Amino acid sequence: MPIEYKEDNQSNIPAGDEPLLTVEQYVAERKKEIRKLAWRSTLLGSVILLFNLLLIFVLITFSETTGLSWKDFFPLLFRNIFFLLGLFFILAGLLGFYEAKRVNIDDFTLTPEAYNFLSQVERIKPIYTYIILTCILGVFFFQLSDLVDNEGNFRSLFVAGLVKQAVIERHEYWRFLTSAFLHGGLLHIYFNSQALYGFASLIEGFSNSARLAIVFLLSIVGGAIMSTVFLPEGISVGASGGIMGLVGYLAIYGFRRKHHLPPNFLRNIIINILFVIAFGLVAYKIIDNFAHIGGFIVGFIYGLLTIPRNLSDDPRKVNPITEAMGMIAMGILVFFAILTVLLITDYVRF
């Protein structure tokens, strides 16, 4: 959409030609689009929440059949993935309204450095991101084909998940990595895959594929260790610790390289962090917050140590040792994805 700053005088525009927008008109159009999306998100989230509340009300009302009472209301609500999904859409809508209120032309204007940098980034294919996603989706395919236990849980969660007592008592540290390729359901893997693709492809474009593999691997391990130390009971699965490591790395990147990035980049990263914190507080019974915290800390520290402060240094260039370490890290991730499949299909037993 072309932009031209001029007075609101349309009298000299030839018939049939599309008029150029003033800056004020362009910003107004963008605000209108943002508000429209915000309304849709808020309404969708409200419908999901109301349906969820109605369903819980019906289940408790027929307590003679379901065995539920009003004391089960909040446990049912906060452990329900649909409640979290509705809350997610409502929060996204509220943020959209806030964004529409505060947005201005500076939010759509790239600096010359950012324009040149991003034009180069667009030509980079996120190969490592595709490999990691393929591993996670491939493992989930075998999870779906696996038998479930009497409670409807994937048997694979016990075979290859982060069973904390197995780690503490039998020193099964391999579970730190196999658990990252397992997921608890379709919504779990959907949201994790979306987040992984978004953040991982950013790191491959803005930084380097080797950095992606290294920070993802280290963050998985860091998140698993913190989860085991502070939540020594139960089972944890999912790539969230590694994903939060990517967020931590990108937060440092946004601070140090903001002149080379879109105007909203850092704010969007901060919003993602606040989303994770909010969901963690609301759904602490089903979300492993310590895995998120551990992964984020590892990615944050790795970013502090590796992202150059000097703006003249290209953050995408790494030395041969880092390239080799990235390949090794990628190899480890693929190896443990294959090991996870072998474990849940009973070809390998420990």
Protein backbone atom coordinates (compact mmCIF):
# COMPACT_ATOMS: atom_id res chain seq x y z
CA MET A 1 0.00 0.00 0.00
CA PRO A 2 1.72 3.24 -1.11
CA ILE A 3 2.14 6.08 1.38
CA GLU A 4 2.53 9.72 0.55
CA TYR A 5 2.38 12.52 3.09
CA LYS A 6 0.21 15.30 1.66
CA GLU A 7 -2.87 17.33 2.41
CA ASP A 8 -6.30 15.67 2.29
CA ASN A 9 -7.21 17.05 -1.12
CA GLN A 10 -8.53 14.48 -3.58
CA SER A 11 -9.69 16.92 -6.27
CA ASN A 12 -6.68 16.39 -8.56
CA ILE A 13 -6.87 12.57 -8.60
CA PRO A 14 -7.80 11.27 -12.07
CA ALA A 15 -10.91 9.12 -12.25
CA GLY A 16 -10.20 5.41 -11.95
CA ASP A 17 -6.80 5.84 -10.24
CA GLU A 18 -6.30 4.56 -6.69
CA PRO A 19 -5.62 7.56 -4.41
CA LEU A 20 -2.42 7.61 -2.40
CA LEU A 21 -2.93 7.56 1.35
CA THR A 22 -1.68 10.17 3.73
CA VAL A 23 0.27 8.99 6.74
CA GLU A 24 -2.74 9.65 8.96
CA GLN A 25 -5.02 7.63 6.67
CA TYR A 26 -2.58 4.71 6.51
CA VAL A 27 -2.24 4.55 10.31
CA ALA A 28 -6.02 4.79 10.68
CA GLU A 29 -6.48 1.86 8.27
CA ARG A 30 -3.99 -0.25 10.19
CA LYS A 31 -5.65 0.59 13.50
CA LYS A 32 -8.99 -0.47 12.04
CA GLU A 33 -7.55 -3.81 10.91
CA ILE A 34 -5.98 -4.42 14.33
CA ARG A 35 -9.25 -3.64 16.15
CA LYS A 36 -11.17 -5.98 13.83
CA LEU A 37 -8.81 -8.86 14.65
CA ALA A 38 -8.97 -7.96 18.34
CA TRP A 39 -12.78 -8.16 18.34
CA ARG A 40 -12.70 -11.55 16.62
CA SER A 41 -10.16 -12.93 19.08
CA THR A 42 -12.04 -11.60 22.12
CA LEU A 43 -15.39 -12.94 20.94
CA LEU A 44 -13.95 -16.36 20.08
CA GLY A 45 -12.26 -16.60 23.47
CA SER A 46 -15.46 -15.55 25.25
CA VAL A 47 -17.48 -18.22 23.44
CA ILE A 48 -14.95 -20.90 24.37
CA LEU A 49 -14.89 -19.79 28.01
CA LEU A 50 -18.68 -19.61 28.28
CA PHE A 51 -19.09 -23.06 26.72
CA ASN A 52 -16.49 -24.44 29.13
CA LEU A 53 -18.22 -22.87 32.15
CA LEU A 54 -21.60 -24.18 30.97
CA LEU A 55 -20.21 -27.70 30.53
CA ILE A 56 -18.69 -27.71 34.04
CA PHE A 57 -21.98 -26.36 35.46
CA VAL A 58 -23.93 -29.20 33.80
CA LEU A 59 -21.45 -31.82 35.05
CA ILE A 60 -21.73 -30.55 38.63
CA THR A 61 -25.51 -30.19 38.43
CA PHE A 62 -25.84 -33.89 37.57
CA SER A 63 -23.59 -34.82 40.49
CA GLU A 64 -25.43 -38.08 41.13
CA THR A 65 -24.23 -39.33 37.76
CA THR A 66 -20.82 -37.64 37.51
CA GLY A 67 -19.80 -37.75 41.17
CA LEU A 68 -18.68 -34.10 41.01
CA SER A 69 -19.46 -31.29 43.46
CA TRP A 70 -18.95 -27.51 43.58
CA LYS A 71 -15.60 -27.99 45.30
CA ASP A 72 -14.40 -29.50 42.00
CA PHE A 73 -15.31 -26.35 40.05
CA PHE A 74 -11.95 -24.56 40.09
CA PRO A 75 -9.80 -27.70 39.68
CA LEU A 76 -11.89 -28.63 36.63
CA LEU A 77 -11.65 -25.10 35.27
CA PHE A 78 -7.92 -24.50 35.66
CA ARG A 79 -6.91 -27.98 34.50
CA ASN A 80 -9.02 -27.71 31.36
CA ILE A 81 -7.06 -26.94 28.18
CA PHE A 82 -10.12 -25.25 26.64
CA PHE A 83 -10.22 -22.75 29.49
CA LEU A 84 -6.59 -21.89 28.71
CA LEU A 85 -7.39 -21.68 25.01
CA GLY A 86 -10.28 -19.27 25.61
CA LEU A 87 -8.14 -17.22 27.98
CA PHE A 88 -5.41 -17.06 25.36
CA PHE A 89 -7.77 -15.61 22.72
CA ILE A 90 -9.22 -13.07 25.17
CA LEU A 91 -5.78 -11.86 26.26
CA ALA A 92 -4.69 -11.65 22.63
CA GLY A 93 -7.78 -9.56 21.87
CA LEU A 94 -7.15 -7.19 24.78
CA LEU A 95 -3.57 -6.73 23.67
CA GLY A 96 -4.90 -6.02 20.18
CA PHE A 97 -7.11 -3.21 21.49
CA TYR A 98 -4.15 -1.76 23.38
CA GLU A 99 -1.99 -2.02 20.26
CA ALA A 100 -4.62 -0.24 18.14
CA LYS A 101 -4.72 2.60 20.65
CA ARG A 102 -0.97 3.22 20.89
CA VAL A 103 0.29 2.37 17.39
CA ASN A 104 1.76 5.18 15.25
CA ILE A 105 3.69 5.57 12.01
CA ASP A 106 7.01 4.81 13.74
CA ASP A 107 5.79 1.24 14.29
CA PHE A 108 5.66 0.72 10.51
CA THR A 109 8.89 2.50 9.60
CA LEU A 110 12.15 0.58 9.21
CA THR A 111 15.53 2.18 9.63
CA PRO A 112 17.85 1.83 6.57
CA GLU A 113 20.00 -0.61 8.59
CA ALA A 114 16.97 -2.72 9.47
CA TYR A 115 15.74 -2.72 5.87
CA ASN A 116 19.10 -3.92 4.52
CA PHE A 117 19.48 -6.51 7.27
CA LEU A 118 15.97 -7.94 6.86
CA SER A 119 16.28 -8.09 3.07
CA GLN A 120 19.28 -10.38 3.54
CA VAL A 121 17.52 -12.44 6.23
CA GLU A 122 14.59 -13.21 3.92
CA ARG A 123 16.87 -15.24 1.66
CA ILE A 124 17.89 -17.63 4.46
CA LYS A 125 16.04 -20.96 4.66
CA PRO A 126 15.51 -22.26 8.24
CA ILE A 127 16.81 -25.78 7.56
CA TYR A 128 17.53 -26.67 11.21
CA THR A 129 14.05 -25.47 12.19
CA TYR A 130 12.52 -27.84 9.64
CA ILE A 131 14.63 -30.74 10.96
CA ILE A 132 13.65 -30.15 14.60
CA LEU A 133 9.97 -29.80 13.68
CA THR A 134 10.11 -32.99 11.62
CA CYS A 135 11.59 -34.84 14.60
CA ILE A 136 8.90 -33.59 16.99
CA LEU A 137 6.00 -34.30 14.61
CA GLY A 138 7.46 -37.68 13.68
CA VAL A 139 7.67 -38.73 17.33
CA PHE A 140 4.10 -37.55 17.92
CA PHE A 141 2.93 -39.73 15.02
CA PHE A 142 4.31 -42.78 16.85
CA GLN A 143 2.70 -41.52 20.07
CA LEU A 144 -0.70 -41.51 18.36
CA SER A 145 -0.19 -45.04 17.14
CA ASP A 146 0.82 -46.16 20.63
CA LEU A 147 -1.56 -47.74 23.13
CA VAL A 148 -2.96 -45.68 26.02
CA ASP A 149 -3.29 -46.71 29.64
CA ASN A 150 -6.51 -47.10 31.64
CA GLU A 151 -6.64 -43.35 32.35
CA GLY A 152 -6.34 -42.41 28.68
CA ASN A 153 -2.71 -41.24 28.94
CA PHE A 154 -0.12 -42.04 26.30
CA ARG A 155 1.95 -45.00 27.49
CA SER A 156 4.96 -43.23 25.96
CA LEU A 157 4.82 -40.58 28.70
CA PHE A 158 5.92 -43.19 31.22
CA VAL A 159 8.36 -44.92 28.88
CA ALA A 160 10.28 -41.85 27.65
CA GLY A 161 8.85 -38.84 29.50
CA LEU A 162 10.62 -36.93 32.25
CA VAL A 163 9.62 -39.23 35.10
CA LYS A 164 11.31 -37.34 37.93
CA GLN A 165 11.64 -40.26 40.33
CA ALA A 166 13.25 -42.39 37.61
CA VAL A 167 15.84 -39.65 37.13
CA ILE A 168 16.46 -39.19 40.86
CA GLU A 169 16.45 -42.84 41.93
CA ARG A 170 17.73 -44.65 38.82
CA HIS A 171 19.76 -41.82 37.23
CA GLU A 172 17.92 -42.06 33.90
CA TYR A 173 19.26 -38.71 32.66
CA TRP A 174 18.48 -39.56 29.04
CA ARG A 175 14.89 -38.63 29.89
CA PHE A 176 15.95 -34.95 29.93
CA LEU A 177 16.07 -35.09 26.12
CA THR A 178 13.61 -37.82 25.16
CA SER A 179 10.84 -36.02 27.07
CA ALA A 180 11.26 -32.92 24.88
CA PHE A 181 10.02 -34.84 21.83
CA LEU A 182 6.87 -36.10 23.56
CA HIS A 183 3.62 -34.13 23.89
CA GLY A 184 0.44 -34.58 25.90
CA GLY A 185 -2.09 -34.06 23.12
CA LEU A 186 -3.00 -32.33 19.87
CA LEU A 187 -3.34 -28.84 21.35
CA HIS A 188 -0.04 -29.22 23.20
CA ILE A 189 1.92 -30.12 20.10
CA TYR A 190 0.06 -27.58 17.96
CA PHE A 191 0.97 -24.62 20.14
CA ASN A 192 4.52 -25.84 20.70
CA SER A 193 5.05 -26.41 16.98
CA GLN A 194 3.73 -22.96 16.13
CA ALA A 195 5.96 -21.32 18.72
CA LEU A 196 8.98 -23.40 17.75
CA TYR A 197 8.68 -22.55 14.07
CA GLY A 198 8.23 -18.85 14.77
CA PHE A 199 11.10 -18.40 17.22
CA ALA A 200 13.51 -20.94 15.72
CA SER A 201 13.22 -19.55 12.20
CA LEU A 202 13.88 -16.06 13.60
CA ILE A 203 17.12 -17.26 15.19
CA GLU A 204 18.24 -18.96 11.99
CA GLY A 205 17.57 -15.78 10.06
CA PHE A 206 18.83 -13.21 12.53
CA SER A 207 21.66 -15.25 14.01
CA ASN A 208 22.85 -18.65 12.81
CA SER A 209 21.65 -22.25 12.48
CA ALA A 210 24.43 -23.42 14.78
CA ARG A 211 23.26 -21.00 17.48
CA LEU A 212 19.72 -22.38 17.16
CA ALA A 213 20.76 -26.01 17.65
CA ILE A 214 23.05 -25.19 20.58
CA VAL A 215 20.64 -22.95 22.49
CA PHE A 216 17.70 -25.31 21.93
CA LEU A 217 19.65 -28.33 23.18
CA LEU A 218 21.10 -26.54 26.22
CA SER A 219 17.73 -25.01 27.12
CA ILE A 220 15.98 -28.38 27.00
CA VAL A 221 18.52 -29.78 29.45
CA GLY A 222 18.46 -26.67 31.65
CA GLY A 223 14.67 -26.68 31.84
CA ALA A 224 14.57 -30.41 32.64
CA ILE A 225 17.14 -30.06 35.41
CA MET A 226 15.30 -27.17 37.07
CA SER A 227 12.00 -29.04 36.78
CA THR A 228 13.51 -32.15 38.39
CA VAL A 229 15.07 -30.14 41.23
CA PHE A 230 12.03 -28.03 42.11
CA LEU A 231 9.22 -30.40 41.05
CA PRO A 232 10.61 -33.84 41.90
CA GLU A 233 7.22 -35.54 41.58
CA GLY A 234 5.23 -36.41 38.48
CA ILE A 235 6.01 -36.48 34.76
CA SER A 236 6.84 -33.64 32.37
CA VAL A 237 6.85 -33.71 28.57
CA GLY A 238 7.16 -31.21 25.74
CA ALA A 239 9.65 -28.91 24.05
CA SER A 240 8.56 -25.84 26.05
CA GLY A 241 11.84 -25.58 27.95
CA GLY A 242 13.78 -25.42 24.70
CA ILE A 243 11.30 -22.96 23.18
CA MET A 244 11.60 -20.65 26.19
CA GLY A 245 15.36 -20.80 25.71
CA LEU A 246 14.84 -19.44 22.19
CA VAL A 247 12.70 -16.64 23.66
CA GLY A 248 15.42 -15.78 26.18
CA TYR A 249 18.03 -15.68 23.42
CA LEU A 250 15.83 -13.45 21.23
CA ALA A 251 15.19 -11.09 24.16
CA ILE A 252 18.93 -10.37 24.38
CA TYR A 253 19.10 -10.13 20.60
CA GLY A 254 16.30 -7.56 20.62
CA PHE A 255 18.08 -5.39 23.18
CA ARG A 256 21.49 -5.50 21.52
CA ARG A 257 20.49 -5.34 17.85
CA LYS A 258 17.33 -3.21 17.94
CA HIS A 259 18.57 -0.87 15.21
CA HIS A 260 18.66 -3.84 12.80
CA LEU A 261 15.17 -5.11 13.68
CA PRO A 262 11.53 -4.13 13.08
CA PRO A 263 10.28 -1.49 15.55
CA ASN A 264 7.93 -3.90 17.37
CA PHE A 265 10.34 -6.83 17.64
CA LEU A 266 11.45 -6.43 21.26
CA ARG A 267 7.98 -5.49 22.47
CA ASN A 268 6.52 -8.60 20.84
CA ILE A 269 9.12 -10.78 22.56
CA ILE A 270 8.25 -9.17 25.92
CA ILE A 271 4.53 -9.75 25.25
CA ASN A 272 5.25 -13.44 24.58
CA ILE A 273 7.13 -13.67 27.87
CA LEU A 274 4.22 -12.05 29.73
CA PHE A 275 1.79 -14.48 28.05
CA VAL A 276 3.83 -17.44 29.28
CA ILE A 277 4.00 -15.99 32.81
CA ALA A 278 0.25 -15.33 32.89
CA PHE A 279 -0.60 -18.83 31.69
CA GLY A 280 1.88 -20.34 34.10
CA LEU A 281 0.25 -18.57 37.05
CA VAL A 282 -3.30 -19.48 36.02
CA ALA A 283 -2.60 -23.09 35.02
CA TYR A 284 0.23 -23.95 37.38
CA LYS A 285 -1.30 -27.37 38.02
CA ILE A 286 -0.79 -28.56 34.43
CA ILE A 287 2.10 -26.34 33.23
CA ASP A 288 5.70 -27.01 34.24
CA ASN A 289 6.73 -23.45 35.09
CA PHE A 290 10.17 -24.50 36.33
CA ALA A 291 11.00 -26.06 32.96
CA HIS A 292 9.99 -22.77 31.33
CA ILE A 293 12.10 -20.75 33.77
CA GLY A 294 15.13 -23.02 33.45
CA GLY A 295 15.01 -22.98 29.65
CA PHE A 296 14.57 -19.21 29.54
CA ILE A 297 17.53 -18.62 31.86
CA VAL A 298 19.82 -20.83 29.78
CA GLY A 299 18.82 -19.09 26.52
CA PHE A 300 19.14 -15.67 28.15
CA ILE A 301 22.67 -16.43 29.43
CA TYR A 302 23.72 -17.96 26.11
CA GLY A 303 22.54 -14.80 24.35
CA LEU A 304 24.50 -12.61 26.78
CA LEU A 305 27.65 -14.60 26.06
CA THR A 306 27.40 -14.90 22.28
CA ILE A 307 25.43 -12.01 20.72
CA PRO A 308 27.92 -9.27 19.79
CA ARG A 309 27.49 -5.83 21.34
CA ASN A 310 29.29 -4.10 18.49
CA LEU A 311 26.69 -3.26 15.83
CA SER A 312 29.35 -3.50 13.11
CA ASP A 313 29.82 -7.22 13.90
CA ASP A 314 27.56 -9.51 11.88
CA PRO A 315 25.68 -11.74 14.38
CA ARG A 316 25.14 -14.36 11.66
CA LYS A 317 28.83 -15.12 11.30
CA VAL A 318 30.29 -17.78 13.59
CA ASN A 319 33.68 -19.46 13.74
CA PRO A 320 34.29 -23.04 12.53
CA ILE A 321 34.25 -24.39 16.10
CA THR A 322 30.76 -23.00 16.71
CA GLU A 323 29.61 -24.40 13.36
CA ALA A 324 30.92 -27.83 14.38
CA MET A 325 29.26 -27.59 17.80
CA GLY A 326 26.00 -26.67 16.12
CA MET A 327 26.19 -29.73 13.88
CA ILE A 328 26.96 -31.91 16.90
CA ALA A 329 24.03 -30.40 18.82
CA MET A 330 21.73 -31.02 15.85
CA GLY A 331 23.00 -34.60 15.65
CA ILE A 332 22.26 -35.12 19.36
CA LEU A 333 18.72 -33.82 18.92
CA VAL A 334 18.06 -36.13 15.96
CA PHE A 335 19.61 -39.07 17.84
CA PHE A 336 17.35 -38.58 20.85
CA ALA A 337 14.29 -38.17 18.63
CA ILE A 338 15.07 -41.55 17.08
CA LEU A 339 15.76 -43.02 20.53
CA THR A 340 12.36 -41.76 21.71
CA VAL A 341 10.65 -43.58 18.84
CA LEU A 342 12.59 -46.77 19.60
CA LEU A 343 11.61 -46.56 23.27
CA ILE A 344 7.89 -46.03 22.70
CA THR A 345 7.79 -48.82 20.10
CA ASP A 346 9.64 -51.21 22.46
CA TYR A 347 12.60 -51.73 20.11
CA VAL A 348 14.84 -50.43 22.89
CA ARG A 349 14.39 -50.88 26.63
CA PHE A 350 16.41 -49.54 29.55
